[in-house]
Amino acid sequence: MIDYNQKKFKPVTNTENGDTSSETIFEYFQNRNTLTSEYSGGKIIAGHLIGIVDELGNIDMRYHHINIEGEIMTGICKSMPEILPNGKIRLHEKWQWTSGDCSEGESILEEVN
């Protein structure tokens, strides 16, 4: 299982209907297979996620945040890891809003120092 504890990630790509950007920073915390995160930056004032990590490092998560328009946004996300040649983690995500227009999207996050 991949250990995400105390790792930070930022989006490198996101579909147009997403709120995150390269200015958004996620800080992950992991205890066994339970994952939590706080995130903010760019269009996100404050956000949290909670998820379960499987034996391959895939994450099944739920998220919520407040954006700069003052909206509370919620969604679900499936994230699949890729280990880069430099040892950093890249996360390939497929997500869907459970609020607003309930549209779907994809994003890629990469581990930062």
C-alpha atoms as a PDB file:
ATOM      1  CA  MET A   1       0.000   0.000   0.000  1.00  0.00           C
ATOM      2  CA  ILE A   2       1.242   3.488  -0.828  1.00  0.00           C
ATOM      3  CA  ASP A   3       1.807   5.747   2.176  1.00  0.00           C
ATOM      4  CA  TYR A   4       0.273   9.172   1.498  1.00  0.00           C
ATOM      5  CA  ASN A   5       0.792  10.454   5.050  1.00  0.00           C
ATOM      6  CA  GLN A   6       1.994  14.083   5.190  1.00  0.00           C
ATOM      7  CA  LYS A   7       2.446  14.310   1.418  1.00  0.00           C
ATOM      8  CA  LYS A   8       1.344  17.415  -0.476  1.00  0.00           C
ATOM      9  CA  PHE A   9      -0.186  17.424  -3.946  1.00  0.00           C
ATOM     10  CA  LYS A  10      -1.247  20.052  -6.473  1.00  0.00           C
ATOM     11  CA  PRO A  11      -3.241  19.736  -9.684  1.00  0.00           C
ATOM     12  CA  VAL A  12      -1.319  19.866 -12.955  1.00  0.00           C
ATOM     13  CA  THR A  13      -4.443  19.425 -15.112  1.00  0.00           C
ATOM     14  CA  ASN A  14      -8.184  19.631 -14.511  1.00  0.00           C
ATOM     15  CA  THR A  15     -11.252  19.747 -16.706  1.00  0.00           C
ATOM     16  CA  GLU A  16     -12.907  23.141 -17.130  1.00  0.00           C
ATOM     17  CA  ASN A  17     -15.825  22.361 -14.794  1.00  0.00           C
ATOM     18  CA  GLY A  18     -13.494  21.770 -11.819  1.00  0.00           C
ATOM     19  CA  ASP A  19     -12.670  24.250  -9.054  1.00  0.00           C
ATOM     20  CA  THR A  20      -9.056  23.196  -8.398  1.00  0.00           C
ATOM     21  CA  SER A  21      -6.020  24.672 -10.140  1.00  0.00           C
ATOM     22  CA  SER A  22      -2.229  24.686  -9.816  1.00  0.00           C
ATOM     23  CA  GLU A  23      -2.742  27.131  -6.924  1.00  0.00           C
ATOM     24  CA  THR A  24      -4.664  24.521  -4.900  1.00  0.00           C
ATOM     25  CA  ILE A  25      -2.581  22.527  -2.402  1.00  0.00           C
ATOM     26  CA  PHE A  26      -3.789  19.271  -0.836  1.00  0.00           C
ATOM     27  CA  GLU A  27      -2.104  17.957   2.319  1.00  0.00           C
ATOM     28  CA  TYR A  28      -2.807  14.259   2.857  1.00  0.00           C
ATOM     29  CA  PHE A  29      -2.860  12.379   6.155  1.00  0.00           C
ATOM     30  CA  GLN A  30      -3.136   8.599   6.335  1.00  0.00           C
ATOM     31  CA  ASN A  31      -3.748   6.164   9.198  1.00  0.00           C
ATOM     32  CA  ARG A  32      -3.746   2.562   7.934  1.00  0.00           C
ATOM     33  CA  ASN A  33      -6.155   2.674   4.977  1.00  0.00           C
ATOM     34  CA  THR A  34      -7.996   5.849   6.054  1.00  0.00           C
ATOM     35  CA  LEU A  35      -7.046   9.033   4.204  1.00  0.00           C
ATOM     36  CA  THR A  36      -7.979  12.627   5.039  1.00  0.00           C
ATOM     37  CA  SER A  37      -6.912  15.919   3.517  1.00  0.00           C
ATOM     38  CA  GLU A  38      -7.287  19.639   3.897  1.00  0.00           C
ATOM     39  CA  TYR A  39      -6.989  21.749   0.764  1.00  0.00           C
ATOM     40  CA  SER A  40      -7.186  25.393  -0.288  1.00  0.00           C
ATOM     41  CA  GLY A  41      -5.864  27.851  -2.844  1.00  0.00           C
ATOM     42  CA  GLY A  42      -6.995  29.336  -6.129  1.00  0.00           C
ATOM     43  CA  LYS A  43     -10.811  29.178  -6.267  1.00  0.00           C
ATOM     44  CA  ILE A  44     -10.966  27.102  -3.048  1.00  0.00           C
ATOM     45  CA  ILE A  45     -11.289  28.920   0.290  1.00  0.00           C
ATOM     46  CA  ALA A  46     -11.332  25.744   2.405  1.00  0.00           C
ATOM     47  CA  GLY A  47     -11.885  22.078   1.655  1.00  0.00           C
ATOM     48  CA  HIS A  48     -11.661  18.597   3.127  1.00  0.00           C
ATOM     49  CA  LEU A  49     -11.696  15.083   1.776  1.00  0.00           C
ATOM     50  CA  ILE A  50     -11.972  11.652   3.317  1.00  0.00           C
ATOM     51  CA  GLY A  51     -11.173   8.389   1.611  1.00  0.00           C
ATOM     52  CA  ILE A  52     -10.173   4.764   1.765  1.00  0.00           C
ATOM     53  CA  VAL A  53      -6.892   3.525   0.259  1.00  0.00           C
ATOM     54  CA  ASP A  54      -6.794   0.004  -1.186  1.00  0.00           C
ATOM     55  CA  GLU A  55      -3.780  -2.342  -1.333  1.00  0.00           C
ATOM     56  CA  LEU A  56      -2.721  -0.884  -4.726  1.00  0.00           C
ATOM     57  CA  GLY A  57      -2.870   2.715  -3.486  1.00  0.00           C
ATOM     58  CA  ASN A  58      -6.139   3.572  -5.255  1.00  0.00           C
ATOM     59  CA  ILE A  59      -8.260   6.055  -3.316  1.00  0.00           C
ATOM     60  CA  ASP A  60     -12.062   6.106  -3.102  1.00  0.00           C
ATOM     61  CA  MET A  61     -12.899   9.535  -1.671  1.00  0.00           C
ATOM     62  CA  ARG A  62     -15.587  12.085  -0.956  1.00  0.00           C
ATOM     63  CA  TYR A  63     -14.857  15.808  -0.840  1.00  0.00           C
ATOM     64  CA  HIS A  64     -16.440  19.118   0.062  1.00  0.00           C
ATOM     65  CA  HIS A  65     -15.242  22.703  -0.125  1.00  0.00           C
ATOM     66  CA  ILE A  66     -16.273  26.342  -0.175  1.00  0.00           C
ATOM     67  CA  ASN A  67     -15.282  28.196  -3.334  1.00  0.00           C
ATOM     68  CA  ILE A  68     -14.658  31.922  -3.833  1.00  0.00           C
ATOM     69  CA  GLU A  69     -18.276  32.367  -4.980  1.00  0.00           C
ATOM     70  CA  GLY A  70     -19.335  31.294  -1.473  1.00  0.00           C
ATOM     71  CA  GLU A  71     -20.811  27.997  -2.680  1.00  0.00           C
ATOM     72  CA  ILE A  72     -20.506  24.721  -0.776  1.00  0.00           C
ATOM     73  CA  MET A  73     -19.509  22.099  -3.343  1.00  0.00           C
ATOM     74  CA  THR A  74     -19.456  18.327  -2.816  1.00  0.00           C
ATOM     75  CA  GLY A  75     -18.322  15.364  -4.868  1.00  0.00           C
ATOM     76  CA  ILE A  76     -16.922  11.879  -5.240  1.00  0.00           C
ATOM     77  CA  CYS A  77     -13.576  10.893  -6.707  1.00  0.00           C
ATOM     78  CA  LYS A  78     -11.626   7.768  -7.662  1.00  0.00           C
ATOM     79  CA  SER A  79      -7.879   8.285  -7.744  1.00  0.00           C
ATOM     80  CA  MET A  80      -5.251   5.929  -9.223  1.00  0.00           C
ATOM     81  CA  PRO A  81      -1.556   6.401  -8.399  1.00  0.00           C
ATOM     82  CA  GLU A  82       1.415   6.338 -10.738  1.00  0.00           C
ATOM     83  CA  ILE A  83       4.965   6.359  -9.356  1.00  0.00           C
ATOM     84  CA  LEU A  84       7.125   8.719 -11.412  1.00  0.00           C
ATOM     85  CA  PRO A  85      10.808   8.008 -12.219  1.00  0.00           C
ATOM     86  CA  ASN A  86      11.839  10.516  -9.519  1.00  0.00           C
ATOM     87  CA  GLY A  87       9.833   8.539  -6.899  1.00  0.00           C
ATOM     88  CA  LYS A  88       7.070  11.138  -6.615  1.00  0.00           C
ATOM     89  CA  ILE A  89       3.400  10.159  -6.873  1.00  0.00           C
ATOM     90  CA  ARG A  90       1.087  11.254  -9.685  1.00  0.00           C
ATOM     91  CA  LEU A  91      -2.655  10.770  -9.091  1.00  0.00           C
ATOM     92  CA  HIS A  92      -5.026  10.207 -12.031  1.00  0.00           C
ATOM     93  CA  GLU A  93      -8.502  11.203 -10.885  1.00  0.00           C
ATOM     94  CA  LYS A  94     -12.033  10.748 -12.193  1.00  0.00           C
ATOM     95  CA  TRP A  95     -14.552  12.772 -10.228  1.00  0.00           C
ATOM     96  CA  GLN A  96     -18.166  13.876 -10.197  1.00  0.00           C
ATOM     97  CA  TRP A  97     -19.921  16.727  -8.463  1.00  0.00           C
ATOM     98  CA  THR A  98     -22.754  15.642  -6.147  1.00  0.00           C
ATOM     99  CA  SER A  99     -23.853  19.286  -5.953  1.00  0.00           C
ATOM    100  CA  GLY A 100     -24.441  21.932  -8.602  1.00  0.00           C
ATOM    101  CA  ASP A 101     -24.754  20.452 -12.093  1.00  0.00           C
ATOM    102  CA  CYS A 102     -23.513  16.954 -11.057  1.00  0.00           C
ATOM    103  CA  SER A 103     -21.106  16.974 -14.014  1.00  0.00           C
ATOM    104  CA  GLU A 104     -18.039  14.730 -14.267  1.00  0.00           C
ATOM    105  CA  GLY A 105     -14.403  15.545 -14.808  1.00  0.00           C
ATOM    106  CA  GLU A 106     -10.817  14.343 -14.701  1.00  0.00           C
ATOM    107  CA  SER A 107      -7.721  15.777 -13.092  1.00  0.00           C
ATOM    108  CA  ILE A 108      -4.088  14.893 -12.487  1.00  0.00           C
ATOM    109  CA  LEU A 109      -2.329  15.792  -9.232  1.00  0.00           C
ATOM    110  CA  GLU A 110       1.393  15.532  -8.572  1.00  0.00           C
ATOM    111  CA  GLU A 111       3.288  15.323  -5.311  1.00  0.00           C
ATOM    112  CA  VAL A 112       5.164  18.472  -4.359  1.00  0.00           C
ATOM    113  CA  ASN A 113       7.905  18.998  -1.774  1.00  0.00           C
END
